[in-house]
Amino acid sequence: MPMAVGVIETLGFPAILAAADAMVKSAEVTIVYNDKAESGRFVVAVRGQVSEVNRSVEAGIIAGEETYGGEVITHYIVPNPPENVESVLPIHFTEKTEPFRIF
């Protein structure tokens, strides 16, 4: 099954919280990474089937933008990332995220 990774970066924590919430509620995806970027920017990454990640990122963008004071700075979807990308970047399923993985 083709897997993808979708990433959203926002300005401010409330916007990333709303985006992450919308992402997992709107599609069958798993959050695999979240962290502070810099200067009040936050990042969340999800994994799942390509169609699910597309739907998830769309919902996350809307939720992040609708948050009071929230701003979605950038977003990106990578369908079928190669193994070398998965081994270097923090986008793979880990022991911590595995219980929430949707097959």
N, C-alpha and C. Protein backbone atom coordinates (compact mmCIF):
# COMPACT_ATOMS: atom_id res chain seq x y z
N MET A 1 0.85 -1.17 0.00
CA MET A 1 0.00 0.00 0.00
C MET A 1 0.89 1.23 0.00
N PRO A 2 0.65 2.20 -0.90
CA PRO A 2 1.49 3.38 -0.98
C PRO A 2 1.30 4.27 0.24
N MET A 3 2.42 4.59 0.89
CA MET A 3 2.40 5.44 2.08
C MET A 3 2.91 6.82 1.71
N ALA A 4 2.50 7.81 2.49
CA ALA A 4 2.95 9.18 2.28
C ALA A 4 3.24 9.81 3.62
N VAL A 5 3.92 10.94 3.57
CA VAL A 5 4.14 11.76 4.76
C VAL A 5 3.64 13.16 4.43
N GLY A 6 2.93 13.75 5.38
CA GLY A 6 2.44 15.11 5.23
C GLY A 6 2.90 15.95 6.40
N VAL A 7 3.35 17.17 6.11
CA VAL A 7 3.90 18.05 7.13
C VAL A 7 3.22 19.41 7.06
N ILE A 8 2.91 19.95 8.24
CA ILE A 8 2.37 21.31 8.34
C ILE A 8 3.22 22.07 9.34
N GLU A 9 3.57 23.32 8.99
CA GLU A 9 4.29 24.21 9.90
C GLU A 9 3.40 25.42 10.16
N THR A 10 3.24 25.77 11.44
CA THR A 10 2.39 26.90 11.80
C THR A 10 3.17 27.89 12.65
N LEU A 11 2.60 29.06 12.78
CA LEU A 11 3.11 30.05 13.70
C LEU A 11 2.22 30.00 14.93
N GLY A 12 2.78 29.61 16.07
CA GLY A 12 2.04 29.54 17.32
C GLY A 12 1.55 28.14 17.64
N PHE A 13 1.56 27.82 18.94
CA PHE A 13 1.17 26.49 19.38
C PHE A 13 -0.32 26.20 19.19
N PRO A 14 -1.24 27.14 19.47
CA PRO A 14 -2.66 26.81 19.27
C PRO A 14 -2.99 26.37 17.85
N ALA A 15 -2.34 26.98 16.87
CA ALA A 15 -2.60 26.62 15.48
C ALA A 15 -2.13 25.20 15.18
N ILE A 16 -0.97 24.78 15.70
CA ILE A 16 -0.48 23.42 15.43
C ILE A 16 -1.32 22.40 16.18
N LEU A 17 -1.78 22.77 17.37
CA LEU A 17 -2.66 21.87 18.12
C LEU A 17 -3.96 21.64 17.36
N ALA A 18 -4.55 22.70 16.86
CA ALA A 18 -5.79 22.57 16.08
C ALA A 18 -5.55 21.79 14.79
N ALA A 19 -4.42 22.05 14.13
CA ALA A 19 -4.11 21.35 12.89
C ALA A 19 -3.92 19.86 13.13
N ALA A 20 -3.15 19.51 14.16
CA ALA A 20 -2.89 18.09 14.47
C ALA A 20 -4.19 17.38 14.83
N ASP A 21 -5.03 18.03 15.62
CA ASP A 21 -6.31 17.45 16.00
C ASP A 21 -7.17 17.18 14.77
N ALA A 22 -7.26 18.16 13.88
CA ALA A 22 -8.07 17.99 12.67
C ALA A 22 -7.49 16.92 11.76
N MET A 23 -6.16 16.83 11.71
CA MET A 23 -5.51 15.87 10.83
C MET A 23 -5.86 14.43 11.21
N VAL A 24 -5.78 14.12 12.50
CA VAL A 24 -6.04 12.74 12.91
C VAL A 24 -7.53 12.42 12.97
N LYS A 25 -8.37 13.43 13.09
CA LYS A 25 -9.81 13.20 13.12
C LYS A 25 -10.43 13.10 11.73
N SER A 26 -9.78 13.67 10.74
CA SER A 26 -10.37 13.70 9.40
C SER A 26 -9.95 12.55 8.51
N ALA A 27 -8.90 11.84 8.89
CA ALA A 27 -8.39 10.77 8.03
C ALA A 27 -7.66 9.73 8.88
N GLU A 28 -7.40 8.59 8.28
CA GLU A 28 -6.71 7.51 8.97
C GLU A 28 -5.20 7.70 8.83
N VAL A 29 -4.66 8.56 9.69
CA VAL A 29 -3.22 8.86 9.70
C VAL A 29 -2.70 8.77 11.12
N THR A 30 -1.38 8.70 11.24
CA THR A 30 -0.71 8.64 12.54
C THR A 30 0.30 9.78 12.61
N ILE A 31 0.29 10.50 13.73
CA ILE A 31 1.31 11.52 13.94
C ILE A 31 2.62 10.82 14.24
N VAL A 32 3.64 11.11 13.46
CA VAL A 32 4.95 10.48 13.65
C VAL A 32 5.99 11.47 14.16
N TYR A 33 5.70 12.77 14.08
CA TYR A 33 6.68 13.75 14.52
C TYR A 33 5.98 15.06 14.84
N ASN A 34 6.40 15.69 15.91
CA ASN A 34 5.98 17.05 16.22
C ASN A 34 7.08 17.71 17.03
N ASP A 35 7.30 18.99 16.79
CA ASP A 35 8.36 19.69 17.50
C ASP A 35 8.27 21.18 17.22
N LYS A 36 9.05 21.94 17.99
CA LYS A 36 9.20 23.37 17.74
C LYS A 36 10.21 23.53 16.62
N ALA A 37 9.95 24.46 15.72
CA ALA A 37 10.92 24.73 14.65
C ALA A 37 11.83 25.87 15.11
N GLU A 38 11.36 27.08 15.11
CA GLU A 38 12.10 28.24 15.61
C GLU A 38 11.17 29.44 15.59
N SER A 39 11.47 30.43 16.38
CA SER A 39 10.72 31.70 16.39
C SER A 39 9.21 31.50 16.51
N GLY A 40 8.78 30.63 17.39
CA GLY A 40 7.35 30.41 17.59
C GLY A 40 6.70 29.54 16.53
N ARG A 41 7.50 28.86 15.74
CA ARG A 41 6.97 27.97 14.70
C ARG A 41 6.96 26.54 15.21
N PHE A 42 5.94 25.82 14.81
CA PHE A 42 5.78 24.42 15.22
C PHE A 42 5.51 23.57 13.99
N VAL A 43 5.92 22.29 14.06
CA VAL A 43 5.79 21.36 12.94
C VAL A 43 5.11 20.09 13.41
N VAL A 44 4.23 19.55 12.58
CA VAL A 44 3.63 18.24 12.82
C VAL A 44 3.69 17.45 11.52
N ALA A 45 4.04 16.15 11.63
CA ALA A 45 4.11 15.27 10.46
C ALA A 45 3.24 14.05 10.69
N VAL A 46 2.53 13.64 9.68
CA VAL A 46 1.67 12.45 9.76
C VAL A 46 2.06 11.48 8.66
N ARG A 47 1.75 10.21 8.89
CA ARG A 47 1.97 9.15 7.89
C ARG A 47 0.67 8.40 7.70
N GLY A 48 0.50 7.87 6.51
CA GLY A 48 -0.65 7.07 6.17
C GLY A 48 -0.69 6.85 4.66
N GLN A 49 -1.78 6.30 4.18
CA GLN A 49 -1.94 6.12 2.75
C GLN A 49 -2.01 7.49 2.08
N VAL A 50 -1.60 7.55 0.83
CA VAL A 50 -1.50 8.81 0.12
C VAL A 50 -2.82 9.59 0.16
N SER A 51 -3.92 8.95 -0.15
CA SER A 51 -5.21 9.64 -0.17
C SER A 51 -5.60 10.14 1.22
N GLU A 52 -5.27 9.38 2.24
CA GLU A 52 -5.59 9.78 3.62
C GLU A 52 -4.73 10.98 4.05
N VAL A 53 -3.47 10.97 3.68
CA VAL A 53 -2.58 12.09 4.04
C VAL A 53 -3.03 13.35 3.31
N ASN A 54 -3.43 13.25 2.07
CA ASN A 54 -3.93 14.42 1.34
C ASN A 54 -5.12 15.03 2.06
N ARG A 55 -6.09 14.20 2.42
CA ARG A 55 -7.28 14.68 3.14
C ARG A 55 -6.89 15.26 4.50
N SER A 56 -5.97 14.62 5.18
CA SER A 56 -5.54 15.05 6.49
C SER A 56 -4.87 16.42 6.46
N VAL A 57 -3.97 16.62 5.51
CA VAL A 57 -3.27 17.90 5.40
C VAL A 57 -4.25 19.02 5.05
N GLU A 58 -5.20 18.75 4.17
CA GLU A 58 -6.21 19.76 3.83
C GLU A 58 -6.97 20.19 5.07
N ALA A 59 -7.40 19.23 5.88
CA ALA A 59 -8.14 19.55 7.11
C ALA A 59 -7.26 20.29 8.10
N GLY A 60 -5.99 19.91 8.19
CA GLY A 60 -5.08 20.58 9.11
C GLY A 60 -4.83 22.03 8.72
N ILE A 61 -4.71 22.29 7.44
CA ILE A 61 -4.51 23.66 6.96
C ILE A 61 -5.70 24.53 7.32
N ILE A 62 -6.89 24.03 7.08
CA ILE A 62 -8.10 24.78 7.40
C ILE A 62 -8.18 25.07 8.89
N ALA A 63 -7.96 24.04 9.71
CA ALA A 63 -8.04 24.21 11.16
C ALA A 63 -6.98 25.17 11.68
N GLY A 64 -5.77 25.09 11.16
CA GLY A 64 -4.70 25.99 11.59
C GLY A 64 -4.99 27.43 11.24
N GLU A 65 -5.53 27.65 10.06
CA GLU A 65 -5.86 29.01 9.62
C GLU A 65 -7.05 29.59 10.38
N GLU A 66 -7.99 28.72 10.79
CA GLU A 66 -9.18 29.20 11.50
C GLU A 66 -8.92 29.47 12.97
N THR A 67 -7.80 29.05 13.49
CA THR A 67 -7.45 29.29 14.88
C THR A 67 -7.15 30.78 15.07
N TYR A 68 -7.67 31.35 16.14
CA TYR A 68 -7.46 32.77 16.41
C TYR A 68 -5.96 33.07 16.48
N GLY A 69 -5.50 33.95 15.64
CA GLY A 69 -4.08 34.31 15.60
C GLY A 69 -3.21 33.29 14.91
N GLY A 70 -3.80 32.19 14.44
CA GLY A 70 -3.03 31.12 13.83
C GLY A 70 -2.67 31.43 12.39
N GLU A 71 -1.55 30.87 11.97
CA GLU A 71 -1.10 31.05 10.60
C GLU A 71 -0.36 29.79 10.16
N VAL A 72 -0.81 29.20 9.07
CA VAL A 72 -0.10 28.08 8.48
C VAL A 72 0.99 28.68 7.58
N ILE A 73 2.24 28.40 7.92
CA ILE A 73 3.36 28.98 7.18
C ILE A 73 3.64 28.18 5.92
N THR A 74 3.68 26.86 6.07
CA THR A 74 3.96 26.02 4.91
C THR A 74 3.41 24.62 5.16
N HIS A 75 3.30 23.87 4.10
CA HIS A 75 2.86 22.47 4.19
C HIS A 75 3.42 21.73 3.00
N TYR A 76 3.54 20.41 3.14
CA TYR A 76 4.09 19.62 2.05
C TYR A 76 3.67 18.17 2.22
N ILE A 77 3.46 17.49 1.10
CA ILE A 77 3.13 16.06 1.10
C ILE A 77 4.14 15.35 0.22
N VAL A 78 4.71 14.26 0.75
CA VAL A 78 5.64 13.43 -0.02
C VAL A 78 5.04 12.05 -0.17
N PRO A 79 4.52 11.72 -1.36
CA PRO A 79 4.01 10.36 -1.57
C PRO A 79 5.16 9.39 -1.75
N ASN A 80 5.05 8.24 -1.12
CA ASN A 80 6.05 7.17 -1.25
C ASN A 80 7.49 7.63 -1.04
N PRO A 81 7.81 8.15 0.15
CA PRO A 81 9.20 8.57 0.37
C PRO A 81 10.15 7.37 0.32
N PRO A 82 11.31 7.51 -0.30
CA PRO A 82 12.25 6.39 -0.39
C PRO A 82 12.85 6.06 0.97
N GLU A 83 13.38 4.85 1.08
CA GLU A 83 13.92 4.36 2.35
C GLU A 83 15.04 5.24 2.89
N ASN A 84 15.88 5.78 2.02
CA ASN A 84 16.98 6.60 2.52
C ASN A 84 16.46 7.90 3.15
N VAL A 85 15.36 8.43 2.67
CA VAL A 85 14.75 9.61 3.29
C VAL A 85 14.17 9.24 4.65
N GLU A 86 13.51 8.09 4.71
CA GLU A 86 12.93 7.64 5.98
C GLU A 86 14.00 7.38 7.03
N SER A 87 15.15 6.89 6.62
CA SER A 87 16.19 6.57 7.60
C SER A 87 16.89 7.81 8.13
N VAL A 88 16.89 8.90 7.38
CA VAL A 88 17.59 10.12 7.80
C VAL A 88 16.66 11.10 8.51
N LEU A 89 15.46 11.28 8.00
CA LEU A 89 14.52 12.25 8.59
C LEU A 89 13.62 11.57 9.62
N PRO A 90 13.12 12.33 10.59
CA PRO A 90 12.27 11.73 11.63
C PRO A 90 10.82 11.57 11.18
N ILE A 91 10.61 10.73 10.15
CA ILE A 91 9.25 10.55 9.63
C ILE A 91 8.82 9.09 9.68
N HIS A 92 9.59 8.24 10.31
CA HIS A 92 9.26 6.82 10.35
C HIS A 92 8.44 6.49 11.61
N PHE A 93 7.77 5.38 11.57
CA PHE A 93 7.04 4.92 12.74
C PHE A 93 8.05 4.48 13.79
N THR A 94 7.82 4.86 15.02
CA THR A 94 8.72 4.50 16.11
C THR A 94 7.97 3.64 17.12
N GLU A 95 8.68 3.17 18.11
CA GLU A 95 8.06 2.39 19.18
C GLU A 95 6.97 3.21 19.88
N LYS A 96 7.19 4.51 19.98
CA LYS A 96 6.24 5.40 20.62
C LYS A 96 4.97 5.60 19.78
N THR A 97 5.10 5.63 18.46
CA THR A 97 3.95 5.87 17.59
C THR A 97 3.28 4.59 17.10
N GLU A 98 3.95 3.47 17.20
CA GLU A 98 3.43 2.21 16.67
C GLU A 98 2.05 1.83 17.20
N PRO A 99 1.74 2.03 18.52
CA PRO A 99 0.40 1.67 18.99
C PRO A 99 -0.73 2.44 18.31
N PHE A 100 -0.42 3.58 17.72
CA PHE A 100 -1.44 4.41 17.09
C PHE A 100 -1.47 4.25 15.58
N ARG A 101 -0.61 3.39 15.07
CA ARG A 101 -0.52 3.18 13.62
C ARG A 101 -1.81 2.55 13.10
N ILE A 102 -2.28 3.09 11.99
CA ILE A 102 -3.49 2.59 11.34
C ILE A 102 -3.06 1.81 10.11
N PHE A 103 -3.46 0.55 10.04
CA PHE A 103 -3.02 -0.31 8.94
C PHE A 103 -3.98 -0.26 7.79
